[in-house]
Amino acid sequence: MKNYSLISILASIGMSFAMASVAMEMPETNSKSSQIQRIEQPIPLKIGVAVGGLALIGAQLWWFLISKPKSGQAATNNGVQEVSITVDGGYIPSQVTVKRGQPVRLKFLRRDPNSCLDKVLFPEFHIAQDLVLNETTPVEFTPETVGNYEFSCGMGMFKGAIAVEE
């Protein structure tokens, strides 16, 4: 999956440079009948736009390929494994490790007013829980099988994972 992302990003960069070079090679027209007039931009502005674009590309590469998701270990309290997850532009921590066969309580504190994050879905456990803004909402289940189980927002844009170990 990461190789596919890297290839698509590199292809996007190549297409951007190709389109920019074609635009720069367009001939100027001096005829009065032409409706399109070339607008001259100052060199510092062109350099600023290019540097800004490269900075955004670098930020995307870092976000999708280099940054590591934050992970958390469940702490057992009265026989229940508990983890607090902050919902603010995603799930923090986004990866949680729990033990098989013990009840799990994930306490979601939603700080982000984004409507996409007003629900959390656990498809494998058949759970769909509404998250109230600025309140802690518990989600409880007992994992019986070792493996990785994803959870996401209602639209599937923000994701997290539960790693169930022996």
Protein backbone atom coordinates (compact mmCIF):
# COMPACT_ATOMS: atom_id res chain seq x y z
CA MET A 1 0.00 0.00 0.00
CA LYS A 2 2.85 2.39 0.84
CA ASN A 3 4.55 1.68 -2.50
CA TYR A 4 1.32 2.53 -4.32
CA SER A 5 1.02 5.82 -2.40
CA LEU A 6 4.63 6.75 -3.15
CA ILE A 7 4.20 5.97 -6.84
CA SER A 8 1.01 8.03 -7.07
CA ILE A 9 2.64 10.99 -5.30
CA LEU A 10 5.67 10.85 -7.59
CA ALA A 11 3.38 10.63 -10.64
CA SER A 12 1.47 13.70 -9.38
CA ILE A 13 4.70 15.63 -8.97
CA GLY A 14 5.80 14.66 -12.48
CA MET A 15 2.48 15.71 -13.99
CA SER A 16 2.65 19.05 -12.16
CA PHE A 17 6.12 19.78 -13.54
CA ALA A 18 5.05 18.71 -17.04
CA MET A 19 2.01 21.02 -16.99
CA ALA A 20 4.11 23.90 -15.65
CA SER A 21 6.73 23.47 -18.37
CA VAL A 22 4.06 23.37 -21.10
CA ALA A 23 2.46 26.53 -19.71
CA MET A 24 5.80 28.32 -19.68
CA GLU A 25 6.49 27.38 -23.33
CA MET A 26 3.24 28.84 -24.67
CA PRO A 27 4.05 31.40 -27.35
CA GLU A 28 3.10 35.01 -26.83
CA THR A 29 0.62 36.42 -29.30
CA ASN A 30 0.85 39.99 -30.50
CA SER A 31 -2.28 39.95 -32.58
CA LYS A 32 -5.04 42.31 -31.51
CA SER A 33 -7.72 39.70 -32.27
CA SER A 34 -6.60 37.43 -29.43
CA GLN A 35 -8.87 37.48 -26.39
CA ILE A 36 -6.25 35.98 -24.07
CA GLN A 37 -3.56 38.27 -22.72
CA ARG A 38 -0.46 36.91 -21.01
CA ILE A 39 -0.08 38.22 -17.48
CA GLU A 40 3.50 38.76 -16.41
CA GLN A 41 4.25 37.74 -12.85
CA PRO A 42 7.30 38.91 -10.91
CA ILE A 43 10.06 36.31 -10.43
CA PRO A 44 9.86 36.40 -6.59
CA LEU A 45 6.17 35.49 -6.81
CA LYS A 46 6.91 32.55 -9.12
CA ILE A 47 9.64 31.35 -6.76
CA GLY A 48 7.33 31.74 -3.74
CA VAL A 49 4.58 29.68 -5.38
CA ALA A 50 7.07 26.96 -6.36
CA VAL A 51 8.57 26.81 -2.84
CA GLY A 52 5.09 26.74 -1.27
CA GLY A 53 4.05 23.89 -3.55
CA LEU A 54 7.18 21.91 -2.71
CA ALA A 55 6.56 22.51 1.01
CA LEU A 56 3.02 21.13 0.67
CA ILE A 57 4.31 18.08 -1.21
CA GLY A 58 6.88 17.52 1.55
CA ALA A 59 4.17 17.80 4.20
CA GLN A 60 2.07 15.19 2.38
CA LEU A 61 5.00 12.81 2.09
CA TRP A 62 5.75 13.20 5.80
CA TRP A 63 2.10 12.77 6.84
CA PHE A 64 1.37 9.68 4.76
CA LEU A 65 4.73 7.90 4.63
CA ILE A 66 6.95 8.93 7.52
CA SER A 67 4.82 9.88 10.55
CA LYS A 68 4.06 7.08 12.97
CA PRO A 69 0.61 6.64 14.51
CA LYS A 70 0.43 7.10 18.26
CA SER A 71 -0.25 3.92 20.17
CA GLY A 72 -1.51 3.14 23.64
CA GLN A 73 -1.63 0.15 25.96
CA ALA A 74 -4.79 -0.65 27.89
CA ALA A 75 -4.60 -0.40 31.68
CA THR A 76 -6.65 -2.92 33.67
CA ASN A 77 -9.05 -1.42 36.22
CA ASN A 78 -11.37 -3.80 38.15
CA GLY A 79 -11.02 -6.48 35.46
CA VAL A 80 -11.79 -4.06 32.60
CA GLN A 81 -9.12 -2.88 30.17
CA GLU A 82 -9.48 0.90 29.80
CA VAL A 83 -7.99 3.35 27.31
CA SER A 84 -8.80 7.05 26.93
CA ILE A 85 -8.91 8.22 23.31
CA THR A 86 -9.08 11.90 22.38
CA VAL A 87 -10.98 12.67 19.18
CA ASP A 88 -9.41 15.81 17.76
CA GLY A 89 -8.63 15.77 14.04
CA GLY A 90 -8.35 11.99 14.35
CA TYR A 91 -7.96 9.49 17.17
CA ILE A 92 -5.17 9.90 19.74
CA PRO A 93 -3.93 7.24 20.31
CA SER A 94 -4.95 5.69 17.01
CA GLN A 95 -3.60 2.23 17.84
CA VAL A 96 -4.58 0.46 21.05
CA THR A 97 -3.29 -2.89 22.34
CA VAL A 98 -5.58 -5.06 24.49
CA LYS A 99 -5.69 -8.66 25.77
CA ARG A 100 -8.01 -11.30 24.36
CA GLY A 101 -11.00 -12.46 26.43
CA GLN A 102 -11.07 -9.48 28.82
CA PRO A 103 -13.68 -6.70 28.64
CA VAL A 104 -12.46 -3.49 26.99
CA ARG A 105 -13.73 0.04 27.66
CA LEU A 106 -12.58 2.73 25.23
CA LYS A 107 -13.35 6.19 26.59
CA PHE A 108 -13.71 8.61 23.66
CA LEU A 109 -13.41 12.32 24.48
CA ARG A 110 -14.53 14.25 21.40
CA ARG A 111 -12.97 17.72 21.10
CA ASP A 112 -13.38 18.22 17.34
CA PRO A 113 -16.73 19.70 16.20
CA ASN A 114 -16.29 18.16 12.72
CA SER A 115 -19.51 16.29 11.92
CA CYS A 116 -17.51 13.39 10.46
CA LEU A 117 -16.20 12.60 13.94
CA ASP A 118 -19.60 12.54 15.66
CA LYS A 119 -19.78 8.74 15.32
CA VAL A 120 -17.29 5.89 15.79
CA LEU A 121 -17.78 2.54 14.03
CA PHE A 122 -16.40 -0.88 14.99
CA PRO A 123 -17.60 -3.10 12.10
CA GLU A 124 -16.18 -6.39 13.45
CA PHE A 125 -17.91 -5.87 16.80
CA HIS A 126 -21.14 -4.48 15.26
CA ILE A 127 -20.82 -1.22 17.21
CA ALA A 128 -21.85 2.25 16.02
CA GLN A 129 -21.61 4.80 18.82
CA ASP A 130 -22.48 8.52 18.70
CA LEU A 131 -19.85 10.76 20.28
CA VAL A 132 -21.08 13.89 22.04
CA LEU A 133 -18.90 16.99 21.70
CA ASN A 134 -16.75 17.75 24.79
CA GLU A 135 -18.01 14.67 26.64
CA THR A 136 -16.48 11.26 27.33
CA THR A 137 -18.39 8.41 25.71
CA PRO A 138 -17.51 4.81 26.68
CA VAL A 139 -17.53 2.00 24.12
CA GLU A 140 -17.43 -1.48 25.64
CA PHE A 141 -16.82 -4.88 24.05
CA THR A 142 -14.95 -8.14 24.72
CA PRO A 143 -12.56 -9.31 21.99
CA GLU A 144 -12.51 -13.10 21.74
CA THR A 145 -10.11 -13.51 18.79
CA VAL A 146 -6.50 -12.39 18.42
CA GLY A 147 -5.97 -9.96 15.52
CA ASN A 148 -6.18 -6.35 14.38
CA TYR A 149 -9.58 -4.66 14.24
CA GLU A 150 -10.11 -1.26 12.66
CA PHE A 151 -12.44 1.47 13.86
CA SER A 152 -13.31 4.65 12.00
CA CYS A 153 -15.43 7.76 11.93
CA GLY A 154 -18.86 7.65 10.31
CA MET A 155 -17.45 8.53 6.87
CA GLY A 156 -14.38 6.27 7.12
CA MET A 157 -11.94 9.19 6.75
CA PHE A 158 -10.33 8.93 10.21
CA LYS A 159 -9.21 5.48 11.32
CA GLY A 160 -7.74 3.66 14.26
CA ALA A 161 -6.98 0.06 15.16
CA ILE A 162 -7.34 -2.31 18.09
CA ALA A 163 -4.58 -4.93 18.35
CA VAL A 164 -5.84 -7.92 20.32
CA GLU A 165 -3.04 -10.05 21.80
CA GLU A 166 -2.94 -13.29 23.76
